[in-house]
Amino acid sequence: MAAVDLGALSLPVGDDGVVIGDDAEGRPLMVGFHRSTPYDVLLIGGLWTAQVLALRAAGTGARVAVETGRPQAWTTLARAAGAGLDCITLHEVGRVPPMGATVGSPVVVIRDCGMRPPRGRVVSAPWQSVLTLLPYLSPVAPRLLRSATLVGVQRVSPQEAGQIGRILGLAEAESGALPTLADGVTLWCAGAERNWVMTSGTDAETGLLGVARRMD
């Protein structure tokens, strides 16, 4: 399956890319999490999508560190992903150790720390990307929205959609569509670029995580 060049989004496409889903024309879109510069991603959405991205990042050879206050939601995935190898490791909030990311051993840190994630001790760095999951908007959301290089937004309330639209500079039609999105659909924003993406699980992902869902 050929990847589509998203040069306008500054998202490199290559063997280290993670397929985040298909665009409106059914073309696969990829995000390169392995970068020589710090890379911060914010996903306002569901646990299912974050876990699919974790599995796919691990599949590209990255070490995935999950910082979470609900380890029970990640334990089965972490055990299944590595087939005995610690490619996905779980850590208490604020307890992610230095990961020693290098070009040959890149790291993706996924922060699943609830509505008010504390400032992380482990931050983005060369070859170490950080994806923060927010289930909904919270007081820390505006700061994260403004600082992230890539933002994904799934179904939110009309009030949240309005606030997100103002911060990201979305068109009225884009903001208006956010409360109506189907499960698995995400609006990905990088600067002024927008892409509507449908993420569908593979047979293996669906067997492990179930079908796409916004609510957990």
N, C-alpha and C. Protein backbone atom coordinates (compact mmCIF):
# COMPACT_ATOMS: atom_id res chain seq x y z
N MET A 1 0.85 -1.19 0.00
CA MET A 1 0.00 0.00 0.00
C MET A 1 0.89 1.24 0.00
N ALA A 2 0.78 2.04 -1.00
CA ALA A 2 1.64 3.21 -1.12
C ALA A 2 1.20 4.30 -0.16
N ALA A 3 2.18 4.99 0.42
CA ALA A 3 1.87 6.10 1.32
C ALA A 3 1.75 7.38 0.51
N VAL A 4 0.92 8.27 0.98
CA VAL A 4 0.73 9.55 0.32
C VAL A 4 1.70 10.55 0.91
N ASP A 5 2.35 11.33 0.06
CA ASP A 5 3.30 12.33 0.52
C ASP A 5 2.55 13.49 1.14
N LEU A 6 2.79 13.71 2.44
CA LEU A 6 2.14 14.83 3.14
C LEU A 6 3.17 15.92 3.40
N GLY A 7 3.92 16.29 2.36
CA GLY A 7 4.96 17.29 2.53
C GLY A 7 4.43 18.60 3.07
N ALA A 8 3.21 18.96 2.67
CA ALA A 8 2.65 20.22 3.15
C ALA A 8 2.42 20.21 4.65
N LEU A 9 2.28 19.01 5.20
CA LEU A 9 2.08 18.89 6.65
C LEU A 9 3.39 18.73 7.40
N SER A 10 4.49 18.65 6.65
CA SER A 10 5.80 18.40 7.25
C SER A 10 5.81 17.10 8.03
N LEU A 11 5.08 16.12 7.54
CA LEU A 11 5.05 14.81 8.16
C LEU A 11 5.81 13.85 7.25
N PRO A 12 7.03 13.47 7.63
CA PRO A 12 7.82 12.63 6.73
C PRO A 12 7.19 11.27 6.53
N VAL A 13 7.29 10.78 5.32
CA VAL A 13 6.75 9.47 4.97
C VAL A 13 7.91 8.54 4.69
N GLY A 14 7.87 7.37 5.26
CA GLY A 14 8.96 6.44 5.01
C GLY A 14 8.74 5.17 5.79
N ASP A 15 9.79 4.35 5.89
CA ASP A 15 9.67 3.07 6.56
C ASP A 15 9.39 3.23 8.04
N ASP A 16 9.73 4.40 8.62
CA ASP A 16 9.51 4.59 10.05
C ASP A 16 8.19 5.28 10.33
N GLY A 17 7.36 5.43 9.31
CA GLY A 17 6.09 6.12 9.48
C GLY A 17 5.04 5.23 10.09
N VAL A 18 4.11 5.85 10.82
CA VAL A 18 2.98 5.16 11.41
C VAL A 18 1.74 5.52 10.62
N VAL A 19 1.04 4.52 10.10
CA VAL A 19 -0.20 4.77 9.36
C VAL A 19 -1.27 5.17 10.37
N ILE A 20 -1.76 6.40 10.27
CA ILE A 20 -2.76 6.87 11.21
C ILE A 20 -4.18 6.64 10.70
N GLY A 21 -4.33 6.25 9.44
CA GLY A 21 -5.64 5.96 8.88
C GLY A 21 -5.71 6.37 7.43
N ASP A 22 -6.93 6.48 6.92
CA ASP A 22 -7.16 6.83 5.52
C ASP A 22 -7.86 8.18 5.44
N ASP A 23 -7.51 8.95 4.41
CA ASP A 23 -8.16 10.25 4.23
C ASP A 23 -9.51 10.07 3.54
N ALA A 24 -10.14 11.18 3.19
CA ALA A 24 -11.49 11.12 2.63
C ALA A 24 -11.53 10.38 1.29
N GLU A 25 -10.39 10.31 0.61
CA GLU A 25 -10.33 9.59 -0.67
C GLU A 25 -9.87 8.15 -0.50
N GLY A 26 -9.69 7.74 0.76
CA GLY A 26 -9.27 6.37 1.02
C GLY A 26 -7.78 6.14 0.91
N ARG A 27 -7.01 7.23 0.86
CA ARG A 27 -5.55 7.10 0.77
C ARG A 27 -4.95 7.01 2.17
N PRO A 28 -4.00 6.09 2.38
CA PRO A 28 -3.39 5.96 3.70
C PRO A 28 -2.50 7.15 4.00
N LEU A 29 -2.59 7.65 5.23
CA LEU A 29 -1.76 8.75 5.68
C LEU A 29 -0.83 8.27 6.77
N MET A 30 0.41 8.75 6.73
CA MET A 30 1.42 8.32 7.68
C MET A 30 2.00 9.51 8.42
N VAL A 31 2.37 9.29 9.66
CA VAL A 31 3.08 10.28 10.46
C VAL A 31 4.42 9.67 10.87
N GLY A 32 5.48 10.42 10.67
CA GLY A 32 6.80 9.98 11.10
C GLY A 32 7.06 10.45 12.52
N PHE A 33 6.98 9.54 13.48
CA PHE A 33 7.24 9.89 14.87
C PHE A 33 8.73 9.94 15.18
N HIS A 34 9.56 9.31 14.34
CA HIS A 34 10.99 9.24 14.61
C HIS A 34 11.67 10.42 13.93
N ARG A 35 12.08 11.40 14.72
CA ARG A 35 12.60 12.66 14.19
C ARG A 35 13.85 13.08 14.93
N SER A 36 14.67 13.83 14.24
CA SER A 36 15.90 14.35 14.85
C SER A 36 15.64 15.61 15.67
N THR A 37 14.40 16.06 15.69
CA THR A 37 14.01 17.24 16.48
C THR A 37 12.84 16.86 17.39
N PRO A 38 12.65 17.56 18.50
CA PRO A 38 11.53 17.25 19.40
C PRO A 38 10.19 17.35 18.67
N TYR A 39 9.27 16.46 19.01
CA TYR A 39 7.99 16.39 18.30
C TYR A 39 6.90 16.09 19.31
N ASP A 40 5.94 17.01 19.43
CA ASP A 40 4.85 16.86 20.39
C ASP A 40 3.53 16.72 19.65
N VAL A 41 2.77 15.70 20.02
CA VAL A 41 1.47 15.42 19.43
C VAL A 41 0.42 15.46 20.55
N LEU A 42 -0.71 16.10 20.28
CA LEU A 42 -1.83 16.11 21.21
C LEU A 42 -3.01 15.45 20.54
N LEU A 43 -3.61 14.47 21.22
CA LEU A 43 -4.83 13.83 20.73
C LEU A 43 -5.94 14.08 21.74
N ILE A 44 -6.96 14.83 21.32
CA ILE A 44 -8.16 15.00 22.13
C ILE A 44 -9.15 13.96 21.62
N GLY A 45 -9.21 12.84 22.31
CA GLY A 45 -10.00 11.75 21.78
C GLY A 45 -10.01 10.56 22.69
N GLY A 46 -10.20 9.39 22.11
CA GLY A 46 -10.42 8.17 22.87
C GLY A 46 -9.18 7.33 23.05
N LEU A 47 -9.23 6.49 24.07
CA LEU A 47 -8.13 5.58 24.38
C LEU A 47 -7.87 4.63 23.21
N TRP A 48 -8.93 4.20 22.53
CA TRP A 48 -8.77 3.23 21.44
C TRP A 48 -7.78 3.73 20.39
N THR A 49 -7.94 4.96 19.96
CA THR A 49 -7.06 5.51 18.92
C THR A 49 -5.63 5.61 19.43
N ALA A 50 -5.45 6.06 20.67
CA ALA A 50 -4.10 6.15 21.23
C ALA A 50 -3.44 4.78 21.30
N GLN A 51 -4.22 3.75 21.63
CA GLN A 51 -3.64 2.42 21.71
C GLN A 51 -3.30 1.85 20.34
N VAL A 52 -4.11 2.14 19.34
CA VAL A 52 -3.77 1.72 17.98
C VAL A 52 -2.47 2.38 17.54
N LEU A 53 -2.31 3.67 17.83
CA LEU A 53 -1.08 4.37 17.46
C LEU A 53 0.11 3.79 18.22
N ALA A 54 -0.09 3.40 19.48
CA ALA A 54 0.99 2.79 20.25
C ALA A 54 1.44 1.48 19.61
N LEU A 55 0.48 0.64 19.24
CA LEU A 55 0.81 -0.63 18.59
C LEU A 55 1.55 -0.41 17.28
N ARG A 56 1.08 0.54 16.51
CA ARG A 56 1.70 0.78 15.20
C ARG A 56 3.07 1.41 15.35
N ALA A 57 3.25 2.26 16.35
CA ALA A 57 4.58 2.82 16.59
C ALA A 57 5.56 1.72 17.00
N ALA A 58 5.10 0.82 17.87
CA ALA A 58 5.95 -0.30 18.27
C ALA A 58 6.29 -1.17 17.06
N GLY A 59 5.35 -1.28 16.13
CA GLY A 59 5.58 -2.07 14.93
C GLY A 59 6.64 -1.49 14.01
N THR A 60 6.93 -0.19 14.16
CA THR A 60 7.99 0.42 13.36
C THR A 60 9.35 0.30 14.02
N GLY A 61 9.40 -0.33 15.20
CA GLY A 61 10.68 -0.51 15.89
C GLY A 61 10.91 0.45 17.03
N ALA A 62 9.95 1.32 17.30
CA ALA A 62 10.11 2.26 18.41
C ALA A 62 9.87 1.55 19.74
N ARG A 63 10.55 2.03 20.77
CA ARG A 63 10.19 1.66 22.13
C ARG A 63 9.10 2.62 22.60
N VAL A 64 8.01 2.08 23.08
CA VAL A 64 6.87 2.90 23.49
C VAL A 64 6.76 2.86 25.01
N ALA A 65 6.83 4.04 25.63
CA ALA A 65 6.68 4.16 27.07
C ALA A 65 5.33 4.82 27.35
N VAL A 66 4.47 4.15 28.09
CA VAL A 66 3.14 4.66 28.39
C VAL A 66 3.12 5.14 29.83
N GLU A 67 2.89 6.44 30.00
CA GLU A 67 2.75 7.03 31.33
C GLU A 67 1.26 7.13 31.62
N THR A 68 0.78 6.36 32.60
CA THR A 68 -0.67 6.26 32.76
C THR A 68 -1.07 6.07 34.22
N GLY A 69 -2.22 6.63 34.54
CA GLY A 69 -2.83 6.41 35.84
C GLY A 69 -3.82 5.26 35.84
N ARG A 70 -3.98 4.61 34.69
CA ARG A 70 -4.90 3.47 34.59
C ARG A 70 -4.18 2.30 33.89
N PRO A 71 -3.19 1.74 34.56
CA PRO A 71 -2.40 0.67 33.92
C PRO A 71 -3.24 -0.52 33.50
N GLN A 72 -4.37 -0.74 34.20
CA GLN A 72 -5.20 -1.90 33.86
C GLN A 72 -5.74 -1.78 32.44
N ALA A 73 -5.86 -0.56 31.92
CA ALA A 73 -6.36 -0.37 30.56
C ALA A 73 -5.29 -0.66 29.50
N TRP A 74 -4.03 -0.76 29.92
CA TRP A 74 -2.93 -0.94 28.98
C TRP A 74 -2.22 -2.28 29.13
N THR A 75 -2.49 -3.01 30.21
CA THR A 75 -1.69 -4.19 30.52
C THR A 75 -1.80 -5.25 29.43
N THR A 76 -3.01 -5.56 28.98
CA THR A 76 -3.18 -6.59 27.96
C THR A 76 -2.48 -6.21 26.67
N LEU A 77 -2.60 -4.95 26.28
CA LEU A 77 -1.94 -4.48 25.07
C LEU A 77 -0.44 -4.61 25.19
N ALA A 78 0.13 -4.18 26.32
CA ALA A 78 1.58 -4.22 26.49
C ALA A 78 2.10 -5.65 26.43
N ARG A 79 1.35 -6.57 27.03
CA ARG A 79 1.78 -7.97 27.00
C ARG A 79 1.70 -8.56 25.60
N ALA A 80 0.64 -8.20 24.89
CA ALA A 80 0.44 -8.78 23.56
C ALA A 80 1.39 -8.20 22.53
N ALA A 81 1.77 -6.93 22.70
CA ALA A 81 2.53 -6.25 21.66
C ALA A 81 3.93 -6.80 21.49
N GLY A 82 4.57 -7.16 22.59
CA GLY A 82 5.98 -7.49 22.50
C GLY A 82 6.30 -8.95 22.30
N ALA A 83 5.31 -9.82 22.46
CA ALA A 83 5.56 -11.27 22.36
C ALA A 83 6.74 -11.65 23.24
N GLY A 84 6.72 -11.09 24.48
CA GLY A 84 7.80 -11.39 25.41
C GLY A 84 8.86 -10.32 25.49
N LEU A 85 8.85 -9.37 24.55
CA LEU A 85 9.80 -8.27 24.57
C LEU A 85 9.13 -7.03 25.14
N ASP A 86 9.92 -6.19 25.79
CA ASP A 86 9.36 -4.99 26.41
C ASP A 86 9.35 -3.82 25.43
N CYS A 87 8.63 -3.97 24.32
CA CYS A 87 8.57 -2.87 23.36
C CYS A 87 7.55 -1.82 23.78
N ILE A 88 6.57 -2.20 24.62
CA ILE A 88 5.65 -1.25 25.23
C ILE A 88 5.74 -1.44 26.74
N THR A 89 6.20 -0.40 27.43
CA THR A 89 6.35 -0.48 28.88
C THR A 89 5.41 0.51 29.55
N LEU A 90 4.93 0.16 30.74
CA LEU A 90 3.98 0.99 31.47
C LEU A 90 4.66 1.62 32.68
N HIS A 91 4.31 2.87 32.94
CA HIS A 91 4.94 3.62 34.02
C HIS A 91 3.89 4.46 34.73
N GLU A 92 4.05 4.61 36.04
CA GLU A 92 3.17 5.48 36.80
C GLU A 92 3.37 6.93 36.37
N VAL A 93 2.35 7.74 36.61
CA VAL A 93 2.44 9.16 36.24
C VAL A 93 3.62 9.80 36.98
N GLY A 94 4.46 10.46 36.20
CA GLY A 94 5.64 11.12 36.76
C GLY A 94 6.82 10.21 36.99
N ARG A 95 6.71 8.94 36.57
CA ARG A 95 7.78 7.97 36.87
C ARG A 95 8.40 7.37 35.61
N VAL A 96 8.29 8.04 34.48
CA VAL A 96 8.95 7.54 33.27
C VAL A 96 10.44 7.82 33.39
N PRO A 97 11.28 6.79 33.32
CA PRO A 97 12.73 7.01 33.46
C PRO A 97 13.31 7.58 32.18
N PRO A 98 14.52 8.10 32.21
CA PRO A 98 15.20 8.48 30.97
C PRO A 98 15.27 7.29 30.03
N MET A 99 14.88 7.50 28.79
CA MET A 99 14.73 6.38 27.86
C MET A 99 15.94 6.18 26.96
N GLY A 100 16.84 7.16 26.90
CA GLY A 100 18.03 7.00 26.08
C GLY A 100 17.74 6.85 24.60
N ALA A 101 16.85 7.68 24.09
CA ALA A 101 16.47 7.59 22.68
C ALA A 101 17.64 7.93 21.76
N THR A 102 17.79 7.16 20.70
CA THR A 102 18.81 7.42 19.68
C THR A 102 18.20 7.17 18.31
N VAL A 103 18.93 7.53 17.26
CA VAL A 103 18.42 7.31 15.92
C VAL A 103 18.18 5.82 15.66
N GLY A 104 18.96 4.97 16.29
CA GLY A 104 18.78 3.53 16.10
C GLY A 104 17.82 2.91 17.07
N SER A 105 17.41 3.67 18.08
CA SER A 105 16.48 3.16 19.09
C SER A 105 15.53 4.28 19.50
N PRO A 106 14.63 4.68 18.57
CA PRO A 106 13.72 5.80 18.86
C PRO A 106 12.68 5.44 19.90
N VAL A 107 12.11 6.47 20.51
CA VAL A 107 11.14 6.29 21.59
C VAL A 107 9.91 7.12 21.31
N VAL A 108 8.74 6.57 21.62
CA VAL A 108 7.50 7.33 21.64
C VAL A 108 6.93 7.23 23.05
N VAL A 109 6.76 8.38 23.70
CA VAL A 109 6.16 8.42 25.03
C VAL A 109 4.69 8.80 24.87
N ILE A 110 3.81 7.98 25.40
CA ILE A 110 2.37 8.27 25.36
C ILE A 110 1.93 8.62 26.77
N ARG A 111 1.41 9.83 26.93
CA ARG A 111 0.98 10.32 28.24
C ARG A 111 -0.54 10.20 28.35
N ASP A 112 -0.98 9.22 29.09
CA ASP A 112 -2.41 8.99 29.34
C ASP A 112 -2.64 9.31 30.82
N CYS A 113 -2.69 10.60 31.11
CA CYS A 113 -2.66 11.06 32.50
C CYS A 113 -3.92 11.82 32.89
N GLY A 114 -5.03 11.57 32.19
CA GLY A 114 -6.29 12.19 32.57
C GLY A 114 -6.45 13.61 32.07
N MET A 115 -7.39 14.32 32.68
CA MET A 115 -7.76 15.65 32.22
C MET A 115 -6.71 16.71 32.50
N ARG A 116 -5.91 16.49 33.54
CA ARG A 116 -4.91 17.49 33.94
C ARG A 116 -3.53 16.84 34.02
N PRO A 117 -2.97 16.45 32.90
CA PRO A 117 -1.64 15.81 32.96
C PRO A 117 -0.61 16.78 33.51
N PRO A 118 0.17 16.36 34.50
CA PRO A 118 1.22 17.25 35.00
C PRO A 118 2.30 17.44 33.95
N ARG A 119 3.05 18.48 34.11
CA ARG A 119 4.17 18.67 33.18
C ARG A 119 5.09 17.48 33.29
N GLY A 120 5.40 16.88 32.17
CA GLY A 120 6.15 15.63 32.18
C GLY A 120 7.61 15.82 32.51
N ARG A 121 8.13 14.89 33.30
CA ARG A 121 9.57 14.91 33.55
C ARG A 121 10.32 14.50 32.30
N VAL A 122 9.74 13.58 31.54
CA VAL A 122 10.33 13.17 30.27
C VAL A 122 9.62 13.94 29.15
N VAL A 123 10.36 14.75 28.43
CA VAL A 123 9.78 15.60 27.40
C VAL A 123 10.29 15.17 26.04
N SER A 124 9.72 15.76 24.99
CA SER A 124 10.16 15.44 23.65
C SER A 124 11.61 15.88 23.46
N ALA A 125 12.31 15.12 22.64
CA ALA A 125 13.73 15.35 22.39
C ALA A 125 14.06 14.70 21.06
N PRO A 126 15.26 14.90 20.54
CA PRO A 126 15.62 14.19 19.32
C PRO A 126 15.39 12.69 19.46
N TRP A 127 14.64 12.12 18.52
CA TRP A 127 14.31 10.70 18.44
C TRP A 127 13.38 10.25 19.57
N GLN A 128 12.80 11.21 20.28
CA GLN A 128 11.83 10.88 21.33
C GLN A 128 10.62 11.79 21.20
N SER A 129 9.54 11.25 20.61
CA SER A 129 8.31 12.00 20.45
C SER A 129 7.40 11.77 21.65
N VAL A 130 6.53 12.73 21.91
CA VAL A 130 5.59 12.61 23.01
C VAL A 130 4.18 12.84 22.48
N LEU A 131 3.29 11.88 22.75
CA LEU A 131 1.88 12.01 22.41
C LEU A 131 1.09 12.10 23.72
N THR A 132 0.37 13.20 23.89
CA THR A 132 -0.46 13.39 25.07
C THR A 132 -1.92 13.15 24.71
N LEU A 133 -2.58 12.29 25.48
CA LEU A 133 -3.99 11.99 25.26
C LEU A 133 -4.83 12.75 26.26
N LEU A 134 -5.77 13.55 25.76
CA LEU A 134 -6.76 14.20 26.60
C LEU A 134 -8.14 13.67 26.21
N PRO A 135 -8.92 13.16 27.16
CA PRO A 135 -10.26 12.68 26.79
C PRO A 135 -11.19 13.82 26.39
N TYR A 136 -11.03 14.97 27.00
CA TYR A 136 -11.83 16.16 26.70
C TYR A 136 -10.98 17.39 26.98
N LEU A 137 -11.53 18.55 26.72
CA LEU A 137 -10.82 19.77 27.06
C LEU A 137 -10.71 19.91 28.58
N SER A 138 -9.67 20.58 29.00
CA SER A 138 -9.46 20.84 30.42
C SER A 138 -8.68 22.15 30.52
N PRO A 139 -8.43 22.64 31.73
CA PRO A 139 -7.69 23.90 31.84
C PRO A 139 -6.30 23.87 31.21
N VAL A 140 -5.69 22.69 31.08
CA VAL A 140 -4.36 22.64 30.47
C VAL A 140 -4.42 22.52 28.96
N ALA A 141 -5.61 22.27 28.41
CA ALA A 141 -5.74 22.02 26.98
C ALA A 141 -5.27 23.17 26.11
N PRO A 142 -5.63 24.43 26.41
CA PRO A 142 -5.16 25.52 25.53
C PRO A 142 -3.65 25.57 25.41
N ARG A 143 -2.93 25.38 26.51
CA ARG A 143 -1.46 25.38 26.44
C ARG A 143 -0.96 24.25 25.55
N LEU A 144 -1.53 23.07 25.71
CA LEU A 144 -1.10 21.93 24.91
C LEU A 144 -1.46 22.11 23.44
N LEU A 145 -2.64 22.67 23.18
CA LEU A 145 -3.05 22.91 21.79
C LEU A 145 -2.09 23.86 21.09
N ARG A 146 -1.63 24.85 21.80
CA ARG A 146 -0.76 25.86 21.17
C ARG A 146 0.67 25.37 21.00
N SER A 147 1.09 24.45 21.85
CA SER A 147 2.49 24.01 21.82
C SER A 147 2.72 22.78 20.96
N ALA A 148 1.67 22.01 20.67
CA ALA A 148 1.84 20.76 19.92
C ALA A 148 2.14 21.04 18.45
N THR A 149 2.98 20.23 17.86
CA THR A 149 3.26 20.32 16.42
C THR A 149 2.12 19.73 15.61
N LEU A 150 1.53 18.65 16.14
CA LEU A 150 0.43 17.96 15.47
C LEU A 150 -0.69 17.76 16.48
N VAL A 151 -1.92 18.11 16.09
CA VAL A 151 -3.08 17.99 16.97
C VAL A 151 -4.14 17.14 16.28
N GLY A 152 -4.66 16.15 17.01
CA GLY A 152 -5.77 15.36 16.52
C GLY A 152 -6.99 15.61 17.39
N VAL A 153 -8.15 15.82 16.77
CA VAL A 153 -9.37 16.08 17.51
C VAL A 153 -10.45 15.10 17.05
N GLN A 154 -11.00 14.36 17.99
CA GLN A 154 -12.12 13.48 17.70
C GLN A 154 -13.42 14.16 18.15
N ARG A 155 -14.49 13.40 18.25
CA ARG A 155 -15.79 13.99 18.56
C ARG A 155 -15.75 14.69 19.93
N VAL A 156 -16.20 15.95 19.93
CA VAL A 156 -16.28 16.75 21.16
C VAL A 156 -17.62 17.48 21.18
N SER A 157 -17.93 18.10 22.30
CA SER A 157 -19.19 18.84 22.42
C SER A 157 -19.13 20.11 21.58
N PRO A 158 -20.28 20.70 21.25
CA PRO A 158 -20.27 21.97 20.50
C PRO A 158 -19.47 23.06 21.21
N GLN A 159 -19.55 23.13 22.54
CA GLN A 159 -18.80 24.14 23.27
C GLN A 159 -17.30 23.91 23.14
N GLU A 160 -16.89 22.65 23.27
CA GLU A 160 -15.47 22.33 23.11
C GLU A 160 -15.01 22.61 21.68
N ALA A 161 -15.86 22.27 20.71
CA ALA A 161 -15.52 22.49 19.32
C ALA A 161 -15.27 23.97 19.05
N GLY A 162 -16.09 24.84 19.65
CA GLY A 162 -15.90 26.26 19.46
C GLY A 162 -14.58 26.75 20.02
N GLN A 163 -14.23 26.27 21.21
CA GLN A 163 -12.97 26.68 21.83
C GLN A 163 -11.78 26.16 21.04
N ILE A 164 -11.84 24.90 20.63
CA ILE A 164 -10.75 24.33 19.83
C ILE A 164 -10.61 25.08 18.52
N GLY A 165 -11.74 25.39 17.89
CA GLY A 165 -11.71 26.10 16.62
C GLY A 165 -11.05 27.45 16.74
N ARG A 166 -11.31 28.16 17.83
CA ARG A 166 -10.69 29.48 18.02
C ARG A 166 -9.19 29.36 18.22
N ILE A 167 -8.76 28.39 18.99
CA ILE A 167 -7.33 28.24 19.27
C ILE A 167 -6.56 27.80 18.03
N LEU A 168 -7.14 26.85 17.27
CA LEU A 168 -6.45 26.31 16.10
C LEU A 168 -6.73 27.08 14.83
N GLY A 169 -7.65 28.05 14.88
CA GLY A 169 -8.00 28.80 13.69
C GLY A 169 -8.75 27.97 12.66
N LEU A 170 -9.65 27.12 13.13
CA LEU A 170 -10.42 26.27 12.22
C LEU A 170 -11.49 27.09 11.51
N ALA A 171 -11.84 26.66 10.30
CA ALA A 171 -12.98 27.24 9.60
C ALA A 171 -14.25 26.86 10.34
N GLU A 172 -15.29 27.66 10.16
CA GLU A 172 -16.56 27.41 10.86
C GLU A 172 -17.10 26.02 10.53
N ALA A 173 -16.96 25.61 9.28
CA ALA A 173 -17.45 24.29 8.89
C ALA A 173 -16.67 23.18 9.58
N GLU A 174 -15.38 23.39 9.77
CA GLU A 174 -14.55 22.37 10.44
C GLU A 174 -14.94 22.26 11.92
N SER A 175 -15.07 23.40 12.58
CA SER A 175 -15.50 23.38 13.98
C SER A 175 -16.88 22.77 14.12
N GLY A 176 -17.78 23.12 13.20
CA GLY A 176 -19.14 22.63 13.26
C GLY A 176 -19.25 21.13 13.06
N ALA A 177 -18.28 20.55 12.37
CA ALA A 177 -18.33 19.11 12.11
C ALA A 177 -17.84 18.29 13.29
N LEU A 178 -17.05 18.87 14.18
CA LEU A 178 -16.42 18.09 15.26
C LEU A 178 -17.43 17.38 16.16
N PRO A 179 -18.55 17.99 16.53
CA PRO A 179 -19.50 17.27 17.40
C PRO A 179 -20.22 16.11 16.72
N THR A 180 -20.09 15.98 15.41
CA THR A 180 -20.83 14.96 14.67
C THR A 180 -19.96 13.82 14.18
N LEU A 181 -18.68 13.81 14.55
CA LEU A 181 -17.76 12.82 13.99
C LEU A 181 -18.10 11.41 14.44
N ALA A 182 -17.96 10.48 13.53
CA ALA A 182 -18.16 9.06 13.85
C ALA A 182 -16.97 8.54 14.65
N ASP A 183 -17.17 7.43 15.34
CA ASP A 183 -16.06 6.78 16.04
C ASP A 183 -14.95 6.46 15.04
N GLY A 184 -13.72 6.73 15.44
CA GLY A 184 -12.58 6.43 14.58
C GLY A 184 -12.16 7.55 13.67
N VAL A 185 -12.96 8.63 13.59
CA VAL A 185 -12.62 9.76 12.72
C VAL A 185 -11.91 10.84 13.54
N THR A 186 -10.82 11.35 12.99
CA THR A 186 -10.03 12.38 13.66
C THR A 186 -9.70 13.49 12.68
N LEU A 187 -9.81 14.73 13.13
CA LEU A 187 -9.29 15.86 12.37
C LEU A 187 -7.87 16.12 12.84
N TRP A 188 -6.90 15.88 11.96
CA TRP A 188 -5.49 16.11 12.29
C TRP A 188 -5.06 17.45 11.74
N CYS A 189 -4.45 18.26 12.59
CA CYS A 189 -4.06 19.63 12.24
C CYS A 189 -2.58 19.83 12.49
N ALA A 190 -1.89 20.34 11.50
CA ALA A 190 -0.48 20.72 11.64
C ALA A 190 -0.33 22.09 11.02
N GLY A 191 -0.20 23.12 11.87
CA GLY A 191 -0.18 24.47 11.34
C GLY A 191 -1.51 24.79 10.68
N ALA A 192 -1.45 25.23 9.42
CA ALA A 192 -2.67 25.57 8.69
C ALA A 192 -3.24 24.38 7.93
N GLU A 193 -2.59 23.25 7.98
CA GLU A 193 -3.03 22.08 7.21
C GLU A 193 -4.02 21.24 8.02
N ARG A 194 -5.02 20.70 7.35
CA ARG A 194 -6.06 19.88 7.98
C ARG A 194 -6.25 18.60 7.18
N ASN A 195 -6.46 17.50 7.89
CA ASN A 195 -6.79 16.24 7.25
C ASN A 195 -7.80 15.48 8.09
N TRP A 196 -8.92 15.11 7.46
CA TRP A 196 -9.90 14.24 8.10
C TRP A 196 -9.46 12.80 7.86
N VAL A 197 -9.30 12.04 8.93
CA VAL A 197 -8.73 10.71 8.81
C VAL A 197 -9.62 9.70 9.53
N MET A 198 -9.88 8.59 8.86
CA MET A 198 -10.61 7.47 9.45
C MET A 198 -9.60 6.39 9.84
N THR A 199 -9.56 6.04 11.11
CA THR A 199 -8.69 4.98 11.59
C THR A 199 -9.53 3.73 11.79
N SER A 200 -9.17 2.67 11.09
CA SER A 200 -9.85 1.39 11.22
C SER A 200 -8.84 0.36 11.71
N GLY A 201 -9.24 -0.46 12.66
CA GLY A 201 -8.33 -1.47 13.17
C GLY A 201 -8.12 -2.61 12.19
N THR A 202 -6.91 -3.14 12.19
CA THR A 202 -6.67 -4.39 11.47
C THR A 202 -7.36 -5.51 12.22
N ASP A 203 -7.38 -6.70 11.63
CA ASP A 203 -8.00 -7.84 12.32
C ASP A 203 -7.34 -8.07 13.67
N ALA A 204 -6.01 -7.98 13.69
CA ALA A 204 -5.28 -8.22 14.95
C ALA A 204 -5.59 -7.13 15.97
N GLU A 205 -5.63 -5.88 15.52
CA GLU A 205 -5.92 -4.78 16.44
C GLU A 205 -7.35 -4.87 16.99
N THR A 206 -8.29 -5.20 16.11
CA THR A 206 -9.67 -5.32 16.56
C THR A 206 -9.83 -6.49 17.53
N GLY A 207 -9.12 -7.58 17.27
CA GLY A 207 -9.18 -8.71 18.18
C GLY A 207 -8.67 -8.37 19.57
N LEU A 208 -7.69 -7.48 19.63
CA LEU A 208 -7.09 -7.10 20.91
C LEU A 208 -7.84 -5.96 21.59
N LEU A 209 -8.27 -4.96 20.79
CA LEU A 209 -8.81 -3.72 21.36
C LEU A 209 -10.30 -3.55 21.14
N GLY A 210 -10.90 -4.37 20.29
CA GLY A 210 -12.29 -4.14 19.92
C GLY A 210 -12.40 -3.15 18.76
N VAL A 211 -13.61 -2.76 18.45
CA VAL A 211 -13.83 -1.84 17.34
C VAL A 211 -13.54 -0.40 17.79
N ALA A 212 -13.39 0.48 16.80
CA ALA A 212 -13.11 1.88 17.09
C ALA A 212 -14.22 2.47 17.95
N ARG A 213 -13.82 3.27 18.94
CA ARG A 213 -14.79 3.93 19.80
C ARG A 213 -14.19 5.22 20.36
N ARG A 214 -15.05 6.17 20.54
CA ARG A 214 -14.63 7.46 21.12
C ARG A 214 -14.64 7.41 22.64
N MET A 215 -15.65 6.74 23.22
CA MET A 215 -15.78 6.68 24.68
C MET A 215 -15.11 5.42 25.22
N ASP A 216 -14.56 5.51 26.40
CA ASP A 216 -13.90 4.38 27.04
C ASP A 216 -14.72 3.87 28.22
